């Protein structure tokens, strides 16, 4: 990328950040000052680094783990972190290491859970995060069940839709200047501006390239938004017994734009989840 293009992109990112109400809100600024941002290396390769916001009682060994979309960072879940920890839940919002295969991602995630001494986890996955959560749960099938429940938001079960489109162009479109005033819903506009800022905050080009690679690998798992109705229906078919939550509006990022309508407490039960032997071996699911 030329220096002129880099400067233009940086300028657009700064303009988007300046117009984003979420970034200037007391809620977000309070989150940044109250919750520490940690970095953890759990693999032999020191370059494979997870980063996270881990909030709530540390003695809770079955927390909620939040996995972001392709263009988002752990910060996109700051409202869930603040709300749920106020009730005594533990919430861990993650950023991914740079890996190039689904198998490597699942192995590294397993090692992260081992490092944090987490016997089981509830997972809230958005878009790519939901797909990765399903792949991990699938990999764990037949072994010690570490996934207590899955909540999938605007997620998918197979990646062919992304192989049929130019994902790099899609990423570039996320980087383009966003005219928030052209959108009728201020909260949706702010959520898009926040994700735009989040995308630009990825510290390495490899981070985005890694996520796009995971998003486009040929694989399958048993709103006015980015997913087609066909993709949503395929997901519903794979989980006929899952609870569904439909939002009338909210765009692609309802955990930011409609945070008050994302109800996760019923899936967490209590701050101290029962040990695995007292729970159903089949993870519960919710689709939104």
Protein backbone atom coordinates (compact mmCIF):
# COMPACT_ATOMS: atom_id res chain seq x y z
CA UNK A 1 0.00 0.00 0.00
CA UNK A 2 1.38 3.42 -0.95
CA UNK A 3 2.12 6.04 1.68
CA UNK A 4 -0.61 8.25 0.20
CA UNK A 5 -3.17 5.47 0.50
CA UNK A 6 -1.99 4.70 4.04
CA UNK A 7 -2.38 8.34 5.03
CA UNK A 8 -5.84 8.47 3.46
CA UNK A 9 -6.90 5.31 5.29
CA UNK A 10 -5.56 6.64 8.60
CA UNK A 11 -7.38 9.92 8.04
CA UNK A 12 -10.65 8.10 7.30
CA UNK A 13 -10.20 5.98 10.43
CA UNK A 14 -9.60 9.07 12.55
CA UNK A 15 -12.69 10.75 11.11
CA UNK A 16 -14.81 7.67 11.80
CA UNK A 17 -13.52 7.49 15.38
CA UNK A 18 -14.27 11.16 15.95
CA UNK A 19 -17.88 10.76 14.83
CA UNK A 20 -18.56 7.54 16.77
CA UNK A 21 -20.67 8.21 19.84
CA UNK A 22 -19.75 4.87 21.42
CA UNK A 23 -16.03 5.69 21.49
CA UNK A 24 -16.76 8.95 23.31
CA UNK A 25 -19.29 7.50 25.73
CA UNK A 26 -18.66 7.33 29.49
CA UNK A 27 -19.64 3.66 29.32
CA UNK A 28 -16.84 2.77 26.91
CA UNK A 29 -14.26 5.02 28.57
CA UNK A 30 -15.17 3.48 31.93
CA UNK A 31 -14.66 0.00 30.48
CA UNK A 32 -11.22 0.92 29.15
CA UNK A 33 -10.14 2.31 32.51
CA UNK A 34 -11.62 -0.48 34.66
CA UNK A 35 -10.87 -3.69 32.73
CA UNK A 36 -7.27 -4.68 32.06
CA UNK A 37 -6.20 -5.77 28.59
CA UNK A 38 -4.04 -8.91 28.94
CA UNK A 39 -1.83 -10.73 26.45
CA UNK A 40 -1.16 -14.45 26.77
CA UNK A 41 1.10 -16.82 24.83
CA UNK A 42 0.10 -20.48 25.20
CA UNK A 43 1.87 -22.08 22.22
CA UNK A 44 5.50 -22.96 21.60
CA UNK A 45 5.62 -20.16 19.04
CA UNK A 46 5.87 -16.87 20.95
CA UNK A 47 4.27 -15.06 18.02
CA UNK A 48 0.92 -16.81 18.63
CA UNK A 49 -0.49 -14.34 21.10
CA UNK A 50 -4.03 -14.19 22.48
CA UNK A 51 -5.23 -10.92 23.96
CA UNK A 52 -8.24 -10.59 26.21
CA UNK A 53 -10.40 -8.68 28.63
CA UNK A 54 -11.06 -10.97 31.60
CA UNK A 55 -13.58 -9.45 34.00
CA UNK A 56 -15.56 -10.81 36.92
CA UNK A 57 -14.75 -13.24 39.75
CA UNK A 58 -11.67 -15.30 38.92
CA UNK A 59 -12.91 -18.27 40.93
CA UNK A 60 -15.64 -18.86 38.32
CA UNK A 61 -14.41 -21.77 36.19
CA UNK A 62 -17.25 -21.82 33.66
CA UNK A 63 -17.32 -18.24 32.31
CA UNK A 64 -18.75 -16.72 29.17
CA UNK A 65 -16.14 -16.47 26.40
CA UNK A 66 -16.89 -13.96 23.61
CA UNK A 67 -15.42 -14.50 20.14
CA UNK A 68 -15.51 -11.49 17.78
CA UNK A 69 -16.34 -11.28 14.07
CA UNK A 70 -13.72 -11.09 11.33
CA UNK A 71 -13.46 -7.30 11.43
CA UNK A 72 -13.91 -6.84 15.18
CA UNK A 73 -11.74 -6.98 18.27
CA UNK A 74 -12.54 -8.06 21.82
CA UNK A 75 -13.73 -4.54 22.60
CA UNK A 76 -16.92 -5.02 20.57
CA UNK A 77 -18.30 -6.97 23.55
CA UNK A 78 -17.58 -4.29 26.14
CA UNK A 79 -21.28 -3.79 26.90
CA UNK A 80 -21.79 -7.50 27.62
CA UNK A 81 -18.68 -7.45 29.83
CA UNK A 82 -19.91 -4.50 31.88
CA UNK A 83 -23.50 -5.70 32.21
CA UNK A 84 -22.88 -9.35 33.07
CA UNK A 85 -20.02 -8.75 35.50
CA UNK A 86 -22.29 -6.39 37.44
CA UNK A 87 -24.36 -9.52 38.27
CA UNK A 88 -21.35 -11.55 39.33
CA UNK A 89 -20.66 -13.39 36.09
CA UNK A 90 -17.19 -13.79 34.66
CA UNK A 91 -16.78 -12.72 31.03
CA UNK A 92 -13.71 -13.16 28.82
CA UNK A 93 -13.61 -11.31 25.49
CA UNK A 94 -10.86 -12.55 23.20
CA UNK A 95 -8.73 -11.50 20.24
CA UNK A 96 -7.28 -14.29 18.11
CA UNK A 97 -3.65 -15.15 17.47
CA UNK A 98 -2.41 -15.23 13.88
CA UNK A 99 -3.06 -18.79 12.68
CA UNK A 100 -3.75 -20.13 9.21
CA UNK A 101 -5.92 -23.21 9.73
CA UNK A 102 -9.04 -24.10 11.70
CA UNK A 103 -7.20 -27.00 13.34
CA UNK A 104 -4.44 -24.73 14.59
CA UNK A 105 -7.01 -22.26 15.93
CA UNK A 106 -8.89 -24.98 17.83
CA UNK A 107 -5.66 -26.37 19.30
CA UNK A 108 -4.51 -22.94 20.42
CA UNK A 109 -7.93 -22.19 21.94
CA UNK A 110 -7.82 -25.49 23.83
CA UNK A 111 -4.41 -24.56 25.21
CA UNK A 112 -5.72 -21.15 26.24
CA UNK A 113 -8.54 -22.77 28.23
CA UNK A 114 -5.98 -25.07 29.85
CA UNK A 115 -3.78 -22.08 30.69
CA UNK A 116 -6.73 -20.31 32.32
CA UNK A 117 -7.78 -23.52 34.15
CA UNK A 118 -11.27 -23.43 32.64
CA UNK A 119 -13.00 -26.80 32.74
CA UNK A 120 -16.01 -25.62 30.74
CA UNK A 121 -17.09 -22.46 28.99
CA UNK A 122 -20.18 -20.81 27.56
CA UNK A 123 -19.34 -19.27 24.18
CA UNK A 124 -20.95 -16.24 22.54
CA UNK A 125 -19.69 -16.13 18.96
CA UNK A 126 -20.42 -13.41 16.41
CA UNK A 127 -20.10 -14.24 12.70
CA UNK A 128 -16.61 -15.78 12.31
CA UNK A 129 -16.48 -16.16 16.10
CA UNK A 130 -19.62 -18.30 15.98
CA UNK A 131 -18.17 -20.49 13.23
CA UNK A 132 -14.95 -21.01 15.20
CA UNK A 133 -16.97 -21.83 18.32
CA UNK A 134 -18.84 -24.54 16.39
CA UNK A 135 -15.60 -25.99 15.03
CA UNK A 136 -14.18 -26.18 18.54
CA UNK A 137 -17.34 -27.83 19.89
CA UNK A 138 -17.25 -30.29 16.99
CA UNK A 139 -13.61 -31.12 17.71
CA UNK A 140 -14.45 -31.74 21.36
CA UNK A 141 -17.17 -34.25 20.42
CA UNK A 142 -16.61 -37.56 22.18
CA UNK A 143 -14.12 -36.08 24.64
CA UNK A 144 -14.52 -34.09 27.83
CA UNK A 145 -17.24 -31.62 26.96
CA UNK A 146 -15.78 -28.17 27.49
CA UNK A 147 -18.56 -26.25 25.73
CA UNK A 148 -21.49 -25.82 28.11
CA UNK A 149 -23.55 -23.75 25.66
CA UNK A 150 -23.24 -21.85 22.39
CA UNK A 151 -24.87 -18.56 21.49
CA UNK A 152 -24.45 -17.80 17.78
CA UNK A 153 -25.04 -14.27 16.48
CA UNK A 154 -25.20 -13.71 12.71
CA UNK A 155 -23.10 -16.83 12.29
CA UNK A 156 -22.93 -19.62 9.71
CA UNK A 157 -22.17 -23.34 9.40
CA UNK A 158 -20.25 -23.40 6.12
CA UNK A 159 -17.96 -21.00 4.30
CA UNK A 160 -18.80 -21.44 0.62
CA UNK A 161 -20.66 -18.12 0.55
CA UNK A 162 -17.40 -16.32 1.31
CA UNK A 163 -15.46 -18.30 -1.29
CA UNK A 164 -17.89 -17.03 -3.91
CA UNK A 165 -17.18 -13.39 -3.09
CA UNK A 166 -14.06 -11.30 -2.95
CA UNK A 167 -13.34 -11.23 0.77
CA UNK A 168 -10.51 -8.75 0.38
CA UNK A 169 -12.92 -6.35 -1.28
CA UNK A 170 -15.33 -6.95 1.59
CA UNK A 171 -12.61 -6.06 4.06
CA UNK A 172 -11.72 -2.98 2.03
CA UNK A 173 -15.33 -1.88 2.10
CA UNK A 174 -15.24 -2.06 5.89
CA UNK A 175 -12.28 0.31 5.77
CA UNK A 176 -13.97 2.81 3.49
CA UNK A 177 -15.25 6.12 4.91
CA UNK A 178 -18.70 5.67 6.42
CA UNK A 179 -21.35 8.36 6.18
CA UNK A 180 -23.22 7.70 9.42
CA UNK A 181 -25.65 10.54 8.79
CA UNK A 182 -26.96 8.62 5.77
CA UNK A 183 -28.23 5.88 8.09
CA UNK A 184 -31.58 6.37 9.80
CA UNK A 185 -30.69 4.55 13.03
CA UNK A 186 -28.03 6.31 15.11
CA UNK A 187 -27.24 3.22 17.21
CA UNK A 188 -26.70 1.06 14.14
CA UNK A 189 -24.57 3.80 12.58
CA UNK A 190 -22.49 4.02 15.75
CA UNK A 191 -22.02 0.25 15.83
CA UNK A 192 -20.70 0.37 12.25
CA UNK A 193 -18.36 3.23 13.09
CA UNK A 194 -17.12 1.31 16.13
CA UNK A 195 -16.39 -1.78 13.99
CA UNK A 196 -14.66 0.46 11.46
CA UNK A 197 -12.43 1.73 14.27
CA UNK A 198 -11.97 -1.81 15.54
CA UNK A 199 -10.85 -3.00 12.12
CA UNK A 200 -8.23 -0.26 11.87
CA UNK A 201 -6.98 -1.06 15.36
CA UNK A 202 -5.80 -4.54 14.35
CA UNK A 203 -2.09 -4.11 14.98
CA UNK A 204 -0.78 -6.26 12.15
CA UNK A 205 -1.88 -6.80 8.57
CA UNK A 206 -1.37 -10.49 9.28
CA UNK A 207 -4.12 -10.41 11.89
CA UNK A 208 -6.75 -9.48 9.33
CA UNK A 209 -5.25 -11.81 6.70
CA UNK A 210 -5.40 -14.69 9.19
CA UNK A 211 -9.06 -14.02 9.98
CA UNK A 212 -9.99 -13.79 6.31
CA UNK A 213 -8.21 -17.11 5.72
CA UNK A 214 -10.16 -18.81 8.51
CA UNK A 215 -13.36 -17.23 7.24
CA UNK A 216 -12.84 -18.54 3.70
CA UNK A 217 -11.46 -22.05 4.27
CA UNK A 218 -13.52 -24.78 2.68
CA UNK A 219 -15.22 -26.27 5.71
CA UNK A 220 -18.56 -27.16 7.22
CA UNK A 221 -19.98 -27.55 10.70
CA UNK A 222 -22.65 -29.63 11.79
CA UNK A 223 -31.21 -8.33 9.86
CA UNK A 224 -30.60 -6.20 7.14
CA UNK A 225 -27.37 -7.94 7.66
CA UNK A 226 -24.47 -9.45 5.79
CA UNK A 227 -25.83 -13.01 5.78
CA UNK A 228 -28.41 -14.16 3.28
CA UNK A 229 -31.62 -15.87 4.33
CA UNK A 230 -30.26 -19.10 2.83
CA UNK A 231 -27.25 -19.02 5.15
CA UNK A 232 -29.47 -18.42 8.17
CA UNK A 233 -31.84 -21.22 7.19
CA UNK A 234 -28.93 -23.64 6.79
CA UNK A 235 -27.82 -22.76 10.32
CA UNK A 236 -31.34 -23.30 11.68
CA UNK A 237 -31.52 -26.72 10.01
CA UNK A 238 -28.35 -27.84 11.74
CA UNK A 239 -29.76 -26.91 15.15
CA UNK A 240 -33.48 -27.68 15.06
CA UNK A 241 -33.76 -27.74 18.86
CA UNK A 242 -31.91 -24.49 19.49
CA UNK A 243 -33.71 -21.50 20.92
CA UNK A 244 -34.01 -18.61 18.47
CA UNK A 245 -34.05 -14.92 19.24
CA UNK A 246 -35.08 -12.61 16.40
CA UNK A 247 -34.39 -8.90 16.65
CA UNK A 248 -36.57 -6.62 14.56
CA UNK A 249 -33.59 -4.37 13.92
CA UNK A 250 -29.98 -3.98 14.93
CA UNK A 251 -27.91 -4.49 11.82
CA UNK A 252 -24.84 -6.70 11.72
CA UNK A 253 -23.62 -5.88 15.23
CA UNK A 254 -26.59 -6.09 17.64
CA UNK A 255 -24.31 -6.71 20.64
CA UNK A 256 -23.35 -3.05 20.18
CA UNK A 257 -26.49 -1.49 18.70
CA UNK A 258 -29.08 -3.48 20.70
CA UNK A 259 -27.08 -4.63 23.71
CA UNK A 260 -30.10 -4.43 26.03
CA UNK A 261 -31.89 -7.01 23.88
CA UNK A 262 -29.07 -9.58 23.92
CA UNK A 263 -30.08 -11.67 26.94
CA UNK A 264 -27.35 -14.14 27.87
CA UNK A 265 -28.04 -14.72 31.56
CA UNK A 266 -30.37 -17.74 31.08
CA UNK A 267 -27.50 -19.60 29.43
CA UNK A 268 -25.07 -18.90 32.22
CA UNK A 269 -27.38 -20.13 35.01
CA UNK A 270 -25.28 -18.80 37.88
CA UNK A 271 -21.81 -17.40 38.55
CA UNK A 272 -20.77 -20.82 39.86
CA UNK A 273 -21.76 -23.34 37.22
CA UNK A 274 -22.18 -26.97 38.32
CA UNK A 275 -19.35 -29.37 37.47
CA UNK A 276 -19.59 -31.18 34.13
CA UNK A 277 -20.85 -34.43 35.68
CA UNK A 278 -24.09 -32.78 36.82
CA UNK A 279 -24.92 -31.15 33.48
CA UNK A 280 -26.30 -32.39 30.20
CA UNK A 281 -23.49 -33.58 27.94
CA UNK A 282 -25.06 -31.82 24.95
CA UNK A 283 -24.29 -28.09 24.75
CA UNK A 284 -27.29 -25.80 24.57
CA UNK A 285 -27.60 -23.40 21.69
CA UNK A 286 -29.22 -20.11 20.96
CA UNK A 287 -29.31 -18.45 17.56
CA UNK A 288 -29.75 -14.72 17.07
